[in-house]
Amino acid sequence: MEKINGRPFKLGAVGADGSASAIGWEGGALTSLPGGCKVGVRMVADAKAPTDAVGAVSAQKEMLSNDASFRALKPKIAEILIGY
């Protein structure tokens, strides 16, 4: 997602299940799409990610996708939302 966006993006709080949603594209390519489309993603921690890694990030309210503690979750895209 960072590669497509061209920069890190903002994530909301990570839930106890290890999921977090993008809440801002931080001026990247996904901020403004043709036709007024909006895109959202929900990411989840890899099933093999260390359990303590989820606990380490769940206390944070917001973070950037390039945050080392979030990357430790080895996140995968679980859902892509497109609205227009």
PDB file of N, CA and C in Angstrom:
ATOM      1  N   MET A   1       0.824  -1.182   0.000  1.00  0.00           N
ATOM      2  CA  MET A   1       0.000   0.000   0.000  1.00  0.00           C
ATOM      3  C   MET A   1       0.872   1.250   0.000  1.00  0.00           C
ATOM      4  N   GLU A   2       1.971   1.214   0.735  1.00  0.00           N
ATOM      5  CA  GLU A   2       2.865   2.376   0.738  1.00  0.00           C
ATOM      6  C   GLU A   2       3.422   2.638  -0.656  1.00  0.00           C
ATOM      7  N   LYS A   3       3.742   1.586  -1.371  1.00  0.00           N
ATOM      8  CA  LYS A   3       4.290   1.747  -2.717  1.00  0.00           C
ATOM      9  C   LYS A   3       3.243   2.379  -3.639  1.00  0.00           C
ATOM     10  N   ILE A   4       2.010   1.921  -3.567  1.00  0.00           N
ATOM     11  CA  ILE A   4       0.934   2.475  -4.393  1.00  0.00           C
ATOM     12  C   ILE A   4       0.662   3.918  -4.004  1.00  0.00           C
ATOM     13  N   ASN A   5       0.645   4.193  -2.706  1.00  0.00           N
ATOM     14  CA  ASN A   5       0.376   5.534  -2.207  1.00  0.00           C
ATOM     15  C   ASN A   5       1.563   6.487  -2.421  1.00  0.00           C
ATOM     16  N   GLY A   6       2.748   5.922  -2.507  1.00  0.00           N
ATOM     17  CA  GLY A   6       3.931   6.741  -2.701  1.00  0.00           C
ATOM     18  C   GLY A   6       4.524   7.282  -1.416  1.00  0.00           C
ATOM     19  N   ARG A   7       3.956   6.908  -0.297  1.00  0.00           N
ATOM     20  CA  ARG A   7       4.441   7.335   1.016  1.00  0.00           C
ATOM     21  C   ARG A   7       3.680   6.583   2.102  1.00  0.00           C
ATOM     22  N   PRO A   8       4.171   6.637   3.343  1.00  0.00           N
ATOM     23  CA  PRO A   8       3.438   5.996   4.437  1.00  0.00           C
ATOM     24  C   PRO A   8       2.059   6.635   4.616  1.00  0.00           C
ATOM     25  N   PHE A   9       1.146   5.888   5.190  1.00  0.00           N
ATOM     26  CA  PHE A   9      -0.207   6.372   5.436  1.00  0.00           C
ATOM     27  C   PHE A   9      -0.536   6.210   6.906  1.00  0.00           C
ATOM     28  N   LYS A  10      -1.586   6.903   7.345  1.00  0.00           N
ATOM     29  CA  LYS A  10      -1.962   6.898   8.756  1.00  0.00           C
ATOM     30  C   LYS A  10      -2.954   5.782   9.036  1.00  0.00           C
ATOM     31  N   LEU A  11      -2.728   5.101  10.150  1.00  0.00           N
ATOM     32  CA  LEU A  11      -3.599   4.018  10.600  1.00  0.00           C
ATOM     33  C   LEU A  11      -4.254   4.397  11.915  1.00  0.00           C
ATOM     34  N   GLY A  12      -5.476   3.914  12.106  1.00  0.00           N
ATOM     35  CA  GLY A  12      -6.140   4.083  13.386  1.00  0.00           C
ATOM     36  C   GLY A  12      -5.589   3.073  14.381  1.00  0.00           C
ATOM     37  N   ALA A  13      -6.146   3.075  15.552  1.00  0.00           N
ATOM     38  CA  ALA A  13      -5.692   2.173  16.609  1.00  0.00           C
ATOM     39  C   ALA A  13      -5.796   0.711  16.182  1.00  0.00           C
ATOM     40  N   VAL A  14      -4.836  -0.063  16.597  1.00  0.00           N
ATOM     41  CA  VAL A  14      -4.838  -1.510  16.341  1.00  0.00           C
ATOM     42  C   VAL A  14      -5.695  -2.167  17.411  1.00  0.00           C
ATOM     43  N   GLY A  15      -6.666  -2.948  16.982  1.00  0.00           N
ATOM     44  CA  GLY A  15      -7.538  -3.636  17.914  1.00  0.00           C
ATOM     45  C   GLY A  15      -6.873  -4.855  18.521  1.00  0.00           C
ATOM     46  N   ALA A  16      -7.525  -5.439  19.504  1.00  0.00           N
ATOM     47  CA  ALA A  16      -6.999  -6.631  20.164  1.00  0.00           C
ATOM     48  C   ALA A  16      -6.842  -7.793  19.185  1.00  0.00           C
ATOM     49  N   ASP A  17      -7.609  -7.754  18.089  1.00  0.00           N
ATOM     50  CA  ASP A  17      -7.514  -8.802  17.068  1.00  0.00           C
ATOM     51  C   ASP A  17      -6.372  -8.549  16.087  1.00  0.00           C
ATOM     52  N   GLY A  18      -5.638  -7.450  16.283  1.00  0.00           N
ATOM     53  CA  GLY A  18      -4.514  -7.144  15.402  1.00  0.00           C
ATOM     54  C   GLY A  18      -4.899  -6.446  14.123  1.00  0.00           C
ATOM     55  N   SER A  19      -6.117  -5.892  14.040  1.00  0.00           N
ATOM     56  CA  SER A  19      -6.532  -5.207  12.818  1.00  0.00           C
ATOM     57  C   SER A  19      -6.485  -3.694  13.001  1.00  0.00           C
ATOM     58  N   ALA A  20      -6.235  -2.997  11.904  1.00  0.00           N
ATOM     59  CA  ALA A  20      -6.218  -1.534  11.896  1.00  0.00           C
ATOM     60  C   ALA A  20      -6.674  -1.069  10.521  1.00  0.00           C
ATOM     61  N   SER A  21      -7.318   0.082  10.492  1.00  0.00           N
ATOM     62  CA  SER A  21      -7.799   0.650   9.231  1.00  0.00           C
ATOM     63  C   SER A  21      -7.026   1.909   8.884  1.00  0.00           C
ATOM     64  N   ALA A  22      -6.845   2.119   7.596  1.00  0.00           N
ATOM     65  CA  ALA A  22      -6.227   3.355   7.129  1.00  0.00           C
ATOM     66  C   ALA A  22      -7.201   4.490   7.392  1.00  0.00           C
ATOM     67  N   ILE A  23      -6.706   5.570   7.990  1.00  0.00           N
ATOM     68  CA  ILE A  23      -7.570   6.721   8.264  1.00  0.00           C
ATOM     69  C   ILE A  23      -7.093   7.973   7.539  1.00  0.00           C
ATOM     70  N   GLY A  24      -5.969   7.883   6.850  1.00  0.00           N
ATOM     71  CA  GLY A  24      -5.476   9.024   6.088  1.00  0.00           C
ATOM     72  C   GLY A  24      -4.339   8.617   5.173  1.00  0.00           C
ATOM     73  N   TRP A  25      -4.337   9.171   3.987  1.00  0.00           N
ATOM     74  CA  TRP A  25      -3.307   8.817   3.007  1.00  0.00           C
ATOM     75  C   TRP A  25      -2.156   9.802   3.015  1.00  0.00           C
ATOM     76  N   GLU A  26      -2.210  10.798   3.870  1.00  0.00           N
ATOM     77  CA  GLU A  26      -1.104  11.728   4.112  1.00  0.00           C
ATOM     78  C   GLU A  26      -0.570  12.393   2.844  1.00  0.00           C
ATOM     79  N   GLY A  27      -1.480  12.774   1.952  1.00  0.00           N
ATOM     80  CA  GLY A  27      -1.087  13.482   0.738  1.00  0.00           C
ATOM     81  C   GLY A  27      -0.531  12.606  -0.365  1.00  0.00           C
ATOM     82  N   GLY A  28      -0.605  11.297  -0.196  1.00  0.00           N
ATOM     83  CA  GLY A  28      -0.106  10.371  -1.206  1.00  0.00           C
ATOM     84  C   GLY A  28      -1.079  10.215  -2.368  1.00  0.00           C
ATOM     85  N   ALA A  29      -0.746   9.327  -3.274  1.00  0.00           N
ATOM     86  CA  ALA A  29      -1.529   9.115  -4.500  1.00  0.00           C
ATOM     87  C   ALA A  29      -2.965   8.672  -4.227  1.00  0.00           C
ATOM     88  N   LEU A  30      -3.224   8.015  -3.090  1.00  0.00           N
ATOM     89  CA  LEU A  30      -4.573   7.532  -2.794  1.00  0.00           C
ATOM     90  C   LEU A  30      -5.445   8.590  -2.133  1.00  0.00           C
ATOM     91  N   THR A  31      -4.881   9.781  -1.894  1.00  0.00           N
ATOM     92  CA  THR A  31      -5.649  10.871  -1.292  1.00  0.00           C
ATOM     93  C   THR A  31      -6.733  11.358  -2.230  1.00  0.00           C
ATOM     94  N   SER A  32      -6.406  11.496  -3.492  1.00  0.00           N
ATOM     95  CA  SER A  32      -7.333  12.053  -4.474  1.00  0.00           C
ATOM     96  C   SER A  32      -7.338  11.167  -5.708  1.00  0.00           C
ATOM     97  N   LEU A  33      -8.423  10.437  -5.887  1.00  0.00           N
ATOM     98  CA  LEU A  33      -8.554   9.533  -7.028  1.00  0.00           C
ATOM     99  C   LEU A  33      -9.535  10.111  -8.049  1.00  0.00           C
ATOM    100  N   PRO A  34      -9.395   9.731  -9.314  1.00  0.00           N
ATOM    101  CA  PRO A  34     -10.299  10.230 -10.350  1.00  0.00           C
ATOM    102  C   PRO A  34     -11.761   9.910 -10.040  1.00  0.00           C
ATOM    103  N   GLY A  35     -12.639  10.811 -10.424  1.00  0.00           N
ATOM    104  CA  GLY A  35     -14.072  10.592 -10.263  1.00  0.00           C
ATOM    105  C   GLY A  35     -14.563  10.720  -8.836  1.00  0.00           C
ATOM    106  N   GLY A  36     -13.729  11.226  -7.960  1.00  0.00           N
ATOM    107  CA  GLY A  36     -14.141  11.388  -6.569  1.00  0.00           C
ATOM    108  C   GLY A  36     -14.151  10.097  -5.769  1.00  0.00           C
ATOM    109  N   CYS A  37     -13.535   9.047  -6.302  1.00  0.00           N
ATOM    110  CA  CYS A  37     -13.482   7.775  -5.580  1.00  0.00           C
ATOM    111  C   CYS A  37     -12.668   7.909  -4.308  1.00  0.00           C
ATOM    112  N   LYS A  38     -13.037   7.158  -3.319  1.00  0.00           N
ATOM    113  CA  LYS A  38     -12.309   7.067  -2.055  1.00  0.00           C
ATOM    114  C   LYS A  38     -11.966   5.601  -1.839  1.00  0.00           C
ATOM    115  N   VAL A  39     -10.781   5.352  -1.298  1.00  0.00           N
ATOM    116  CA  VAL A  39     -10.374   3.979  -1.028  1.00  0.00           C
ATOM    117  C   VAL A  39      -9.979   3.858   0.436  1.00  0.00           C
ATOM    118  N   GLY A  40     -10.330   2.735   1.013  1.00  0.00           N
ATOM    119  CA  GLY A  40      -9.958   2.434   2.385  1.00  0.00           C
ATOM    120  C   GLY A  40      -9.451   1.008   2.458  1.00  0.00           C
ATOM    121  N   VAL A  41      -8.646   0.731   3.460  1.00  0.00           N
ATOM    122  CA  VAL A  41      -8.161  -0.633   3.666  1.00  0.00           C
ATOM    123  C   VAL A  41      -8.198  -0.975   5.148  1.00  0.00           C
ATOM    124  N   ARG A  42      -8.383  -2.237   5.405  1.00  0.00           N
ATOM    125  CA  ARG A  42      -8.260  -2.777   6.759  1.00  0.00           C
ATOM    126  C   ARG A  42      -7.157  -3.808   6.694  1.00  0.00           C
ATOM    127  N   MET A  43      -6.218  -3.689   7.605  1.00  0.00           N
ATOM    128  CA  MET A  43      -5.079  -4.594   7.632  1.00  0.00           C
ATOM    129  C   MET A  43      -5.132  -5.418   8.908  1.00  0.00           C
ATOM    130  N   VAL A  44      -4.621  -6.629   8.835  1.00  0.00           N
ATOM    131  CA  VAL A  44      -4.587  -7.508  10.007  1.00  0.00           C
ATOM    132  C   VAL A  44      -3.175  -8.048  10.193  1.00  0.00           C
ATOM    133  N   ALA A  45      -2.879  -8.346  11.439  1.00  0.00           N
ATOM    134  CA  ALA A  45      -1.576  -8.924  11.765  1.00  0.00           C
ATOM    135  C   ALA A  45      -1.482 -10.323  11.177  1.00  0.00           C
ATOM    136  N   ASP A  46      -0.313 -10.678  10.695  1.00  0.00           N
ATOM    137  CA  ASP A  46      -0.063 -12.028  10.206  1.00  0.00           C
ATOM    138  C   ASP A  46      -0.280 -13.000  11.361  1.00  0.00           C
ATOM    139  N   ALA A  47      -0.860 -14.146  11.089  1.00  0.00           N
ATOM    140  CA  ALA A  47      -1.130 -15.149  12.123  1.00  0.00           C
ATOM    141  C   ALA A  47       0.146 -15.606  12.821  1.00  0.00           C
ATOM    142  N   LYS A  48       1.284 -15.485  12.155  1.00  0.00           N
ATOM    143  CA  LYS A  48       2.553 -15.911  12.739  1.00  0.00           C
ATOM    144  C   LYS A  48       3.289 -14.775  13.462  1.00  0.00           C
ATOM    145  N   ALA A  49       2.695 -13.583  13.481  1.00  0.00           N
ATOM    146  CA  ALA A  49       3.333 -12.449  14.165  1.00  0.00           C
ATOM    147  C   ALA A  49       3.351 -12.725  15.668  1.00  0.00           C
ATOM    148  N   PRO A  50       4.403 -12.315  16.350  1.00  0.00           N
ATOM    149  CA  PRO A  50       4.484 -12.531  17.797  1.00  0.00           C
ATOM    150  C   PRO A  50       3.316 -11.874  18.530  1.00  0.00           C
ATOM    151  N   THR A  51       2.728 -12.569  19.481  1.00  0.00           N
ATOM    152  CA  THR A  51       1.586 -12.062  20.237  1.00  0.00           C
ATOM    153  C   THR A  51       1.925 -10.762  20.953  1.00  0.00           C
ATOM    154  N   ASP A  52       3.126 -10.662  21.472  1.00  0.00           N
ATOM    155  CA  ASP A  52       3.499  -9.439  22.183  1.00  0.00           C
ATOM    156  C   ASP A  52       3.592  -8.241  21.248  1.00  0.00           C
ATOM    157  N   ALA A  53       3.764  -8.476  19.961  1.00  0.00           N
ATOM    158  CA  ALA A  53       3.823  -7.377  18.991  1.00  0.00           C
ATOM    159  C   ALA A  53       2.467  -6.682  18.881  1.00  0.00           C
ATOM    160  N   VAL A  54       1.382  -7.444  18.946  1.00  0.00           N
ATOM    161  CA  VAL A  54       0.036  -6.854  18.892  1.00  0.00           C
ATOM    162  C   VAL A  54      -0.182  -5.996  20.132  1.00  0.00           C
ATOM    163  N   GLY A  55       0.197  -6.498  21.271  1.00  0.00           N
ATOM    164  CA  GLY A  55       0.057  -5.738  22.514  1.00  0.00           C
ATOM    165  C   GLY A  55       0.852  -4.449  22.493  1.00  0.00           C
ATOM    166  N   ALA A  56       2.005  -4.472  21.862  1.00  0.00           N
ATOM    167  CA  ALA A  56       2.867  -3.290  21.819  1.00  0.00           C
ATOM    168  C   ALA A  56       2.242  -2.149  21.031  1.00  0.00           C
ATOM    169  N   VAL A  57       1.468  -2.448  19.998  1.00  0.00           N
ATOM    170  CA  VAL A  57       0.876  -1.384  19.183  1.00  0.00           C
ATOM    171  C   VAL A  57      -0.564  -1.076  19.565  1.00  0.00           C
ATOM    172  N   SER A  58      -1.241  -1.962  20.269  1.00  0.00           N
ATOM    173  CA  SER A  58      -2.656  -1.726  20.574  1.00  0.00           C
ATOM    174  C   SER A  58      -2.856  -0.550  21.517  1.00  0.00           C
ATOM    175  N   ALA A  59      -1.825  -0.138  22.231  1.00  0.00           N
ATOM    176  CA  ALA A  59      -1.945   1.009  23.129  1.00  0.00           C
ATOM    177  C   ALA A  59      -1.870   2.338  22.377  1.00  0.00           C
ATOM    178  N   GLN A  60      -1.387   2.321  21.133  1.00  0.00           N
ATOM    179  CA  GLN A  60      -1.263   3.545  20.351  1.00  0.00           C
ATOM    180  C   GLN A  60      -2.588   3.885  19.680  1.00  0.00           C
ATOM    181  N   LYS A  61      -2.941   5.169  19.669  1.00  0.00           N
ATOM    182  CA  LYS A  61      -4.202   5.582  19.067  1.00  0.00           C
ATOM    183  C   LYS A  61      -4.097   5.697  17.555  1.00  0.00           C
ATOM    184  N   GLU A  62      -3.001   6.232  17.088  1.00  0.00           N
ATOM    185  CA  GLU A  62      -2.755   6.371  15.650  1.00  0.00           C
ATOM    186  C   GLU A  62      -1.280   6.150  15.398  1.00  0.00           C
ATOM    187  N   MET A  63      -0.940   5.738  14.184  1.00  0.00           N
ATOM    188  CA  MET A  63       0.463   5.569  13.813  1.00  0.00           C
ATOM    189  C   MET A  63       0.575   5.594  12.304  1.00  0.00           C
ATOM    190  N   LEU A  64       1.783   5.739  11.830  1.00  0.00           N
ATOM    191  CA  LEU A  64       2.031   5.653  10.396  1.00  0.00           C
ATOM    192  C   LEU A  64       2.356   4.217  10.031  1.00  0.00           C
ATOM    193  N   SER A  65       2.092   3.885   8.797  1.00  0.00           N
ATOM    194  CA  SER A  65       2.307   2.511   8.331  1.00  0.00           C
ATOM    195  C   SER A  65       3.769   2.097   8.353  1.00  0.00           C
ATOM    196  N   ASN A  66       4.675   3.043   8.400  1.00  0.00           N
ATOM    197  CA  ASN A  66       6.091   2.675   8.444  1.00  0.00           C
ATOM    198  C   ASN A  66       6.632   2.579   9.864  1.00  0.00           C
ATOM    199  N   ASP A  67       5.764   2.657  10.859  1.00  0.00           N
ATOM    200  CA  ASP A  67       6.159   2.510  12.261  1.00  0.00           C
ATOM    201  C   ASP A  67       6.695   1.092  12.479  1.00  0.00           C
ATOM    202  N   ALA A  68       7.851   0.986  13.084  1.00  0.00           N
ATOM    203  CA  ALA A  68       8.494  -0.320  13.284  1.00  0.00           C
ATOM    204  C   ALA A  68       7.623  -1.275  14.091  1.00  0.00           C
ATOM    205  N   SER A  69       6.889  -0.762  15.069  1.00  0.00           N
ATOM    206  CA  SER A  69       6.044  -1.643  15.882  1.00  0.00           C
ATOM    207  C   SER A  69       4.879  -2.199  15.070  1.00  0.00           C
ATOM    208  N   PHE A  70       4.367  -1.409  14.109  1.00  0.00           N
ATOM    209  CA  PHE A  70       3.303  -1.924  13.244  1.00  0.00           C
ATOM    210  C   PHE A  70       3.867  -2.933  12.251  1.00  0.00           C
ATOM    211  N   ARG A  71       5.014  -2.649  11.702  1.00  0.00           N
ATOM    212  CA  ARG A  71       5.634  -3.582  10.752  1.00  0.00           C
ATOM    213  C   ARG A  71       5.977  -4.918  11.395  1.00  0.00           C
ATOM    214  N   ALA A  72       6.204  -4.919  12.704  1.00  0.00           N
ATOM    215  CA  ALA A  72       6.493  -6.170  13.409  1.00  0.00           C
ATOM    216  C   ALA A  72       5.310  -7.134  13.347  1.00  0.00           C
ATOM    217  N   LEU A  73       4.113  -6.605  13.070  1.00  0.00           N
ATOM    218  CA  LEU A  73       2.917  -7.450  12.938  1.00  0.00           C
ATOM    219  C   LEU A  73       2.891  -8.193  11.612  1.00  0.00           C
ATOM    220  N   LYS A  74       3.771  -7.811  10.693  1.00  0.00           N
ATOM    221  CA  LYS A  74       3.773  -8.355   9.334  1.00  0.00           C
ATOM    222  C   LYS A  74       2.364  -8.276   8.749  1.00  0.00           C
ATOM    223  N   PRO A  75       1.798  -7.059   8.704  1.00  0.00           N
ATOM    224  CA  PRO A  75       0.395  -6.882   8.328  1.00  0.00           C
ATOM    225  C   PRO A  75       0.085  -7.292   6.888  1.00  0.00           C
ATOM    226  N   LYS A  76      -1.118  -7.784   6.740  1.00  0.00           N
ATOM    227  CA  LYS A  76      -1.651  -8.187   5.430  1.00  0.00           C
ATOM    228  C   LYS A  76      -2.961  -7.432   5.196  1.00  0.00           C
ATOM    229  N   ILE A  77      -3.281  -7.171   3.953  1.00  0.00           N
ATOM    230  CA  ILE A  77      -4.549  -6.517   3.634  1.00  0.00           C
ATOM    231  C   ILE A  77      -5.670  -7.540   3.767  1.00  0.00           C
ATOM    232  N   ALA A  78      -6.661  -7.191   4.572  1.00  0.00           N
ATOM    233  CA  ALA A  78      -7.802  -8.075   4.772  1.00  0.00           C
ATOM    234  C   ALA A  78      -9.025  -7.598   4.002  1.00  0.00           C
ATOM    235  N   GLU A  79      -9.096  -6.286   3.772  1.00  0.00           N
ATOM    236  CA  GLU A  79     -10.289  -5.729   3.147  1.00  0.00           C
ATOM    237  C   GLU A  79      -9.908  -4.447   2.407  1.00  0.00           C
ATOM    238  N   ILE A  80     -10.462  -4.271   1.228  1.00  0.00           N
ATOM    239  CA  ILE A  80     -10.311  -3.034   0.464  1.00  0.00           C
ATOM    240  C   ILE A  80     -11.708  -2.494   0.229  1.00  0.00           C
ATOM    241  N   LEU A  81     -11.906  -1.229   0.585  1.00  0.00           N
ATOM    242  CA  LEU A  81     -13.196  -0.577   0.428  1.00  0.00           C
ATOM    243  C   LEU A  81     -13.074   0.530  -0.612  1.00  0.00           C
ATOM    244  N   ILE A  82     -13.998   0.585  -1.540  1.00  0.00           N
ATOM    245  CA  ILE A  82     -14.010   1.628  -2.555  1.00  0.00           C
ATOM    246  C   ILE A  82     -15.376   2.291  -2.546  1.00  0.00           C
ATOM    247  N   GLY A  83     -15.360   3.614  -2.434  1.00  0.00           N
ATOM    248  CA  GLY A  83     -16.601   4.375  -2.438  1.00  0.00           C
ATOM    249  C   GLY A  83     -16.522   5.492  -3.453  1.00  0.00           C
ATOM    250  N   TYR A  84     -17.671   5.917  -3.951  1.00  0.00           N
ATOM    251  CA  TYR A  84     -17.715   7.034  -4.889  1.00  0.00           C
ATOM    252  C   TYR A  84     -19.050   7.719  -4.807  1.00  0.00           C
TER     253      TYR A  84
END
